[in-house]
Amino acid sequence: MLDEAFGIVNFAGTVAVEVNPAGQNIRDNVPARSHDYFHIYANSIENSEMQLRTLTADEEKQYKLSSDDGAFIWDNLRRRGGNSRPSDRPKQYFPLYASLTPPRVELSPFPGSTEIFPIDPKGEQRIWRNNRDGVVRDLASGRISVISKAGRMEVVKKSFMPEGKKWKTIWTDSRYSATSHGTKLLLDMILAPRFPYPKSLPSCLTA
């Protein structure tokens, strides 16, 4: 029905929300259901813009370093996850040359340098997050360096603290409990009998 109403191209995603942390135990021999589904559609997906969530205090604490461009961390230049193999993006598999003292990274060999390919600790070939032009650009701006980690040299890149992050598709915070922040709220307002199965107010405000 929603596909027909909004168009399947405007489907943005589905979120599983834990609305009953204790789980429903009203039927024998079935799992205790604790979630509802929140389907998201846009009137026009091309003209829509998702509001990012703010970073948590713990997430902000990760960015302990700072520069003129803002707080940052050194993150591995080696790509990981999906589309991270040479067969996916051949132009992003090439050697870099680095030394630790002082920290220096170049595209060409220099005296005392070590050749480094984007190979992960398991020996699997990966790719860099930058192509050659991107490496040249980030080297010139001081955004690429090298560190020693777990006994090996790792080429790293500055990752600046974002203004926000995308919402994930699973919400498990206690504030999404429909009992504590839905039914109880309406009971306090003497409205519960008029509105059965209310949702959590924070989950509605978040949406």
C-alpha atoms as a PDB file:
ATOM      1  CA  MET A   1       0.000   0.000   0.000  1.00  0.00           C
ATOM      2  CA  LEU A   2       2.805   2.412   0.859  1.00  0.00           C
ATOM      3  CA  ASP A   3       4.605   1.562  -2.396  1.00  0.00           C
ATOM      4  CA  GLU A   4       1.442   2.429  -4.281  1.00  0.00           C
ATOM      5  CA  ALA A   5       0.837   5.607  -2.262  1.00  0.00           C
ATOM      6  CA  PHE A   6       4.367   7.038  -2.396  1.00  0.00           C
ATOM      7  CA  GLY A   7       6.024   5.033  -5.191  1.00  0.00           C
ATOM      8  CA  ILE A   8       8.559   2.275  -4.628  1.00  0.00           C
ATOM      9  CA  VAL A   9      11.388   4.581  -5.738  1.00  0.00           C
ATOM     10  CA  ASN A  10      10.628   6.789  -2.719  1.00  0.00           C
ATOM     11  CA  PHE A  11      11.147   3.970  -0.195  1.00  0.00           C
ATOM     12  CA  ALA A  12      13.985   5.072   2.095  1.00  0.00           C
ATOM     13  CA  GLY A  13      14.264   2.115   4.456  1.00  0.00           C
ATOM     14  CA  THR A  14      12.825   0.117   7.354  1.00  0.00           C
ATOM     15  CA  VAL A  15      13.830   0.481  10.986  1.00  0.00           C
ATOM     16  CA  ALA A  16      13.282  -2.217  13.621  1.00  0.00           C
ATOM     17  CA  VAL A  17      12.386  -0.441  16.876  1.00  0.00           C
ATOM     18  CA  GLU A  18      12.503  -2.263  20.225  1.00  0.00           C
ATOM     19  CA  VAL A  19       9.213  -1.022  21.657  1.00  0.00           C
ATOM     20  CA  ASN A  20       8.868  -3.750  24.298  1.00  0.00           C
ATOM     21  CA  PRO A  21      12.255  -4.590  25.882  1.00  0.00           C
ATOM     22  CA  ALA A  22      10.709  -7.354  28.008  1.00  0.00           C
ATOM     23  CA  GLY A  23       9.108  -9.020  24.981  1.00  0.00           C
ATOM     24  CA  GLN A  24       5.537 -10.235  24.534  1.00  0.00           C
ATOM     25  CA  ASN A  25       4.932 -13.578  26.264  1.00  0.00           C
ATOM     26  CA  ILE A  26       1.273 -14.068  25.360  1.00  0.00           C
ATOM     27  CA  ARG A  27       1.795 -17.145  23.152  1.00  0.00           C
ATOM     28  CA  ASP A  28       3.512 -20.413  23.955  1.00  0.00           C
ATOM     29  CA  ASN A  29       6.327 -21.829  21.831  1.00  0.00           C
ATOM     30  CA  VAL A  30       7.047 -18.625  19.906  1.00  0.00           C
ATOM     31  CA  PRO A  31       9.785 -16.004  20.425  1.00  0.00           C
ATOM     32  CA  ALA A  32       8.948 -13.082  22.680  1.00  0.00           C
ATOM     33  CA  ARG A  33       8.399 -10.312  20.161  1.00  0.00           C
ATOM     34  CA  SER A  34       9.952  -7.033  21.262  1.00  0.00           C
ATOM     35  CA  HIS A  35      10.020  -4.892  18.118  1.00  0.00           C
ATOM     36  CA  ASP A  36       7.868  -3.039  15.621  1.00  0.00           C
ATOM     37  CA  TYR A  37       8.753  -1.926  12.117  1.00  0.00           C
ATOM     38  CA  PHE A  38       9.051   1.711  11.103  1.00  0.00           C
ATOM     39  CA  HIS A  39       8.770   2.123   7.315  1.00  0.00           C
ATOM     40  CA  ILE A  40      10.207   5.328   5.877  1.00  0.00           C
ATOM     41  CA  TYR A  41       9.070   6.907   2.612  1.00  0.00           C
ATOM     42  CA  ALA A  42       9.750  10.272   1.029  1.00  0.00           C
ATOM     43  CA  ASN A  43       7.448  12.345  -1.141  1.00  0.00           C
ATOM     44  CA  SER A  44      10.431  12.714  -3.488  1.00  0.00           C
ATOM     45  CA  ILE A  45      13.579  10.763  -2.585  1.00  0.00           C
ATOM     46  CA  GLU A  46      15.713  12.931  -4.904  1.00  0.00           C
ATOM     47  CA  ASN A  47      14.662  16.107  -3.097  1.00  0.00           C
ATOM     48  CA  SER A  48      14.701  14.706   0.429  1.00  0.00           C
ATOM     49  CA  GLU A  49      17.460  15.185   2.982  1.00  0.00           C
ATOM     50  CA  MET A  50      17.885  12.940   5.997  1.00  0.00           C
ATOM     51  CA  GLN A  51      18.475  14.675   9.307  1.00  0.00           C
ATOM     52  CA  LEU A  52      21.616  13.284  10.928  1.00  0.00           C
ATOM     53  CA  ARG A  53      21.718  12.328  14.584  1.00  0.00           C
ATOM     54  CA  THR A  54      24.106  14.129  16.898  1.00  0.00           C
ATOM     55  CA  LEU A  55      27.213  12.310  18.063  1.00  0.00           C
ATOM     56  CA  THR A  56      27.144  10.753  21.506  1.00  0.00           C
ATOM     57  CA  ALA A  57      29.584  11.914  24.162  1.00  0.00           C
ATOM     58  CA  ASP A  58      31.571   8.686  23.747  1.00  0.00           C
ATOM     59  CA  GLU A  59      31.783   9.197  19.981  1.00  0.00           C
ATOM     60  CA  GLU A  60      33.042  12.766  20.414  1.00  0.00           C
ATOM     61  CA  LYS A  61      35.719  11.581  22.873  1.00  0.00           C
ATOM     62  CA  GLN A  62      37.293   9.447  20.135  1.00  0.00           C
ATOM     63  CA  TYR A  63      38.441  12.581  18.305  1.00  0.00           C
ATOM     64  CA  LYS A  64      41.256  13.490  20.685  1.00  0.00           C
ATOM     65  CA  LEU A  65      43.504  15.271  18.195  1.00  0.00           C
ATOM     66  CA  SER A  66      42.919  18.688  16.684  1.00  0.00           C
ATOM     67  CA  SER A  67      44.163  20.851  13.850  1.00  0.00           C
ATOM     68  CA  ASP A  68      43.127  24.069  12.153  1.00  0.00           C
ATOM     69  CA  ASP A  69      40.472  22.035  10.315  1.00  0.00           C
ATOM     70  CA  GLY A  70      38.952  20.613  13.503  1.00  0.00           C
ATOM     71  CA  ALA A  71      39.097  17.555  15.772  1.00  0.00           C
ATOM     72  CA  PHE A  72      40.239  14.326  14.099  1.00  0.00           C
ATOM     73  CA  ILE A  73      41.579  10.804  14.485  1.00  0.00           C
ATOM     74  CA  TRP A  74      44.135   8.926  12.423  1.00  0.00           C
ATOM     75  CA  ASP A  75      42.204   6.249  10.519  1.00  0.00           C
ATOM     76  CA  ASN A  76      43.721   3.560   8.315  1.00  0.00           C
ATOM     77  CA  LEU A  77      44.046   4.575   4.672  1.00  0.00           C
ATOM     78  CA  ARG A  78      43.454   0.960   3.749  1.00  0.00           C
ATOM     79  CA  ARG A  79      39.849   0.388   2.719  1.00  0.00           C
ATOM     80  CA  ARG A  80      37.878  -2.296   4.511  1.00  0.00           C
ATOM     81  CA  GLY A  81      34.464  -3.880   4.125  1.00  0.00           C
ATOM     82  CA  GLY A  82      32.619  -4.063   0.821  1.00  0.00           C
ATOM     83  CA  ASN A  83      34.242  -3.072  -2.486  1.00  0.00           C
ATOM     84  CA  SER A  84      37.666  -3.148  -0.869  1.00  0.00           C
ATOM     85  CA  ARG A  85      39.555  -5.546  -3.138  1.00  0.00           C
ATOM     86  CA  PRO A  86      41.770  -4.810  -6.159  1.00  0.00           C
ATOM     87  CA  SER A  87      39.210  -6.503  -8.399  1.00  0.00           C
ATOM     88  CA  ASP A  88      36.643  -3.902  -7.288  1.00  0.00           C
ATOM     89  CA  ARG A  89      38.767  -0.813  -7.927  1.00  0.00           C
ATOM     90  CA  PRO A  90      42.081  -1.726  -9.582  1.00  0.00           C
ATOM     91  CA  LYS A  91      43.308   1.878  -9.726  1.00  0.00           C
ATOM     92  CA  GLN A  92      43.378   2.047  -5.929  1.00  0.00           C
ATOM     93  CA  TYR A  93      45.837  -0.832  -5.496  1.00  0.00           C
ATOM     94  CA  PHE A  94      49.405   0.479  -5.634  1.00  0.00           C
ATOM     95  CA  PRO A  95      52.391   0.788  -3.277  1.00  0.00           C
ATOM     96  CA  LEU A  96      53.177   3.705  -1.011  1.00  0.00           C
ATOM     97  CA  TYR A  97      56.575   4.339   0.550  1.00  0.00           C
ATOM     98  CA  ALA A  98      56.957   5.376   4.171  1.00  0.00           C
ATOM     99  CA  SER A  99      59.332   5.834   7.089  1.00  0.00           C
ATOM    100  CA  LEU A 100      58.517   6.327  10.764  1.00  0.00           C
ATOM    101  CA  THR A 101      61.350   8.625  11.824  1.00  0.00           C
ATOM    102  CA  PRO A 102      60.316  11.197  10.938  1.00  0.00           C
ATOM    103  CA  PRO A 103      56.827  10.152   9.753  1.00  0.00           C
ATOM    104  CA  ARG A 104      56.859  10.438   5.972  1.00  0.00           C
ATOM    105  CA  VAL A 105      54.790   8.974   3.134  1.00  0.00           C
ATOM    106  CA  GLU A 106      55.478   9.286  -0.592  1.00  0.00           C
ATOM    107  CA  LEU A 107      54.282   7.764  -3.858  1.00  0.00           C
ATOM    108  CA  SER A 108      57.879   7.066  -4.908  1.00  0.00           C
ATOM    109  CA  PRO A 109      60.723   5.354  -3.048  1.00  0.00           C
ATOM    110  CA  PHE A 110      63.088   7.530  -0.996  1.00  0.00           C
ATOM    111  CA  PRO A 111      66.167   6.654   1.113  1.00  0.00           C
ATOM    112  CA  GLY A 112      65.191   4.565   4.140  1.00  0.00           C
ATOM    113  CA  SER A 113      61.618   4.060   2.979  1.00  0.00           C
ATOM    114  CA  THR A 114      59.582   0.852   3.189  1.00  0.00           C
ATOM    115  CA  GLU A 115      57.229  -0.262   0.436  1.00  0.00           C
ATOM    116  CA  ILE A 116      53.669  -0.667   1.736  1.00  0.00           C
ATOM    117  CA  PHE A 117      50.755  -2.210  -0.144  1.00  0.00           C
ATOM    118  CA  PRO A 118      47.170  -2.113   1.211  1.00  0.00           C
ATOM    119  CA  ILE A 119      47.302  -5.622   2.645  1.00  0.00           C
ATOM    120  CA  ASP A 120      45.332  -6.302   5.830  1.00  0.00           C
ATOM    121  CA  PRO A 121      46.709  -8.140   8.912  1.00  0.00           C
ATOM    122  CA  LYS A 122      45.291 -11.430   7.578  1.00  0.00           C
ATOM    123  CA  GLY A 123      47.356 -11.093   4.409  1.00  0.00           C
ATOM    124  CA  GLU A 124      44.371 -10.209   2.211  1.00  0.00           C
ATOM    125  CA  GLN A 125      44.886  -7.713  -0.598  1.00  0.00           C
ATOM    126  CA  ARG A 126      42.753  -4.590  -0.149  1.00  0.00           C
ATOM    127  CA  ILE A 127      42.831  -1.139  -1.743  1.00  0.00           C
ATOM    128  CA  TRP A 128      43.528   2.376  -0.544  1.00  0.00           C
ATOM    129  CA  ARG A 129      40.623   4.697   0.152  1.00  0.00           C
ATOM    130  CA  ASN A 130      42.243   7.191  -2.247  1.00  0.00           C
ATOM    131  CA  ASN A 131      43.347   6.854  -5.831  1.00  0.00           C
ATOM    132  CA  ARG A 132      46.751   8.283  -6.809  1.00  0.00           C
ATOM    133  CA  ASP A 133      45.413  11.793  -7.389  1.00  0.00           C
ATOM    134  CA  GLY A 134      43.693  11.729  -4.013  1.00  0.00           C
ATOM    135  CA  VAL A 135      46.894  10.619  -2.307  1.00  0.00           C
ATOM    136  CA  VAL A 136      48.821  13.477  -3.946  1.00  0.00           C
ATOM    137  CA  ARG A 137      46.190  15.945  -2.759  1.00  0.00           C
ATOM    138  CA  ASP A 138      46.055  14.639   0.806  1.00  0.00           C
ATOM    139  CA  LEU A 139      49.819  14.376   1.110  1.00  0.00           C
ATOM    140  CA  ALA A 140      50.129  18.028   0.111  1.00  0.00           C
ATOM    141  CA  SER A 141      47.609  19.059   2.793  1.00  0.00           C
ATOM    142  CA  GLY A 142      49.203  16.916   5.525  1.00  0.00           C
ATOM    143  CA  ARG A 143      46.234  14.582   5.834  1.00  0.00           C
ATOM    144  CA  ILE A 144      48.195  11.362   5.289  1.00  0.00           C
ATOM    145  CA  SER A 145      50.842  10.017   7.643  1.00  0.00           C
ATOM    146  CA  VAL A 146      52.239   6.743   8.974  1.00  0.00           C
ATOM    147  CA  ILE A 147      52.135   5.117  12.413  1.00  0.00           C
ATOM    148  CA  SER A 148      53.379   1.920  14.039  1.00  0.00           C
ATOM    149  CA  LYS A 149      50.546  -0.409  15.050  1.00  0.00           C
ATOM    150  CA  ALA A 150      50.784  -3.998  16.309  1.00  0.00           C
ATOM    151  CA  GLY A 151      54.358  -4.238  15.081  1.00  0.00           C
ATOM    152  CA  ARG A 152      53.656  -3.070  11.536  1.00  0.00           C
ATOM    153  CA  MET A 153      53.652   0.222   9.674  1.00  0.00           C
ATOM    154  CA  GLU A 154      50.214   1.523   8.805  1.00  0.00           C
ATOM    155  CA  VAL A 155      49.500   4.395   6.442  1.00  0.00           C
ATOM    156  CA  VAL A 156      46.790   6.562   7.991  1.00  0.00           C
ATOM    157  CA  LYS A 157      44.599   9.491   7.025  1.00  0.00           C
ATOM    158  CA  LYS A 158      42.980  12.231   9.096  1.00  0.00           C
ATOM    159  CA  SER A 159      39.315  11.508   9.718  1.00  0.00           C
ATOM    160  CA  PHE A 160      37.606  14.656  10.987  1.00  0.00           C
ATOM    161  CA  MET A 161      34.760  14.630  13.477  1.00  0.00           C
ATOM    162  CA  PRO A 162      31.486  14.801  11.522  1.00  0.00           C
ATOM    163  CA  GLU A 163      28.625  17.098  12.428  1.00  0.00           C
ATOM    164  CA  GLY A 164      26.388  14.059  12.756  1.00  0.00           C
ATOM    165  CA  LYS A 165      25.890  10.447  11.737  1.00  0.00           C
ATOM    166  CA  LYS A 166      23.225   8.532   9.855  1.00  0.00           C
ATOM    167  CA  TRP A 167      20.581   6.733  11.881  1.00  0.00           C
ATOM    168  CA  LYS A 168      20.973   2.960  11.951  1.00  0.00           C
ATOM    169  CA  THR A 169      18.178   0.549  11.095  1.00  0.00           C
ATOM    170  CA  ILE A 170      17.935  -0.944  14.609  1.00  0.00           C
ATOM    171  CA  TRP A 171      16.797   1.221  17.544  1.00  0.00           C
ATOM    172  CA  THR A 172      17.245  -0.374  20.969  1.00  0.00           C
ATOM    173  CA  ASP A 173      17.382   2.554  23.389  1.00  0.00           C
ATOM    174  CA  SER A 174      15.139   2.244  26.461  1.00  0.00           C
ATOM    175  CA  ARG A 175      13.452   5.532  25.524  1.00  0.00           C
ATOM    176  CA  TYR A 176      11.705   3.726  22.647  1.00  0.00           C
ATOM    177  CA  SER A 177       9.767   1.510  25.076  1.00  0.00           C
ATOM    178  CA  ALA A 178       6.087   1.973  24.227  1.00  0.00           C
ATOM    179  CA  THR A 179       5.098   0.940  27.751  1.00  0.00           C
ATOM    180  CA  SER A 180       7.308   3.362  29.649  1.00  0.00           C
ATOM    181  CA  HIS A 181       7.148   6.300  27.254  1.00  0.00           C
ATOM    182  CA  GLY A 182       3.795   5.725  25.567  1.00  0.00           C
ATOM    183  CA  THR A 183       1.137   3.983  27.658  1.00  0.00           C
ATOM    184  CA  LYS A 184       2.413   5.330  30.988  1.00  0.00           C
ATOM    185  CA  LEU A 185       2.583   8.859  29.606  1.00  0.00           C
ATOM    186  CA  LEU A 186      -1.054   8.697  28.500  1.00  0.00           C
ATOM    187  CA  LEU A 187      -2.088   7.158  31.825  1.00  0.00           C
ATOM    188  CA  ASP A 188      -0.582  10.167  33.574  1.00  0.00           C
ATOM    189  CA  MET A 189      -2.669  12.346  31.245  1.00  0.00           C
ATOM    190  CA  ILE A 190      -5.803  10.192  31.830  1.00  0.00           C
ATOM    191  CA  LEU A 191      -5.918   9.488  28.077  1.00  0.00           C
ATOM    192  CA  ALA A 192      -4.784   5.864  27.853  1.00  0.00           C
ATOM    193  CA  PRO A 193      -8.221   4.248  27.246  1.00  0.00           C
ATOM    194  CA  ARG A 194      -8.782   6.493  24.215  1.00  0.00           C
ATOM    195  CA  PHE A 195      -5.504   5.556  22.504  1.00  0.00           C
ATOM    196  CA  PRO A 196      -4.662   1.817  22.616  1.00  0.00           C
ATOM    197  CA  TYR A 197      -1.140   0.673  21.711  1.00  0.00           C
ATOM    198  CA  PRO A 198       0.503   4.126  21.747  1.00  0.00           C
ATOM    199  CA  LYS A 199       4.086   4.436  20.542  1.00  0.00           C
ATOM    200  CA  SER A 200       6.936   5.957  22.504  1.00  0.00           C
ATOM    201  CA  LEU A 201       6.974   9.751  22.257  1.00  0.00           C
ATOM    202  CA  PRO A 202      10.799   9.875  21.817  1.00  0.00           C
ATOM    203  CA  SER A 203      10.563   7.459  18.873  1.00  0.00           C
ATOM    204  CA  CYS A 204       7.989   9.732  17.216  1.00  0.00           C
ATOM    205  CA  LEU A 205      10.125  12.826  17.814  1.00  0.00           C
ATOM    206  CA  THR A 206      13.191  11.019  16.478  1.00  0.00           C
ATOM    207  CA  ALA A 207      11.335  10.000  13.337  1.00  0.00           C
END
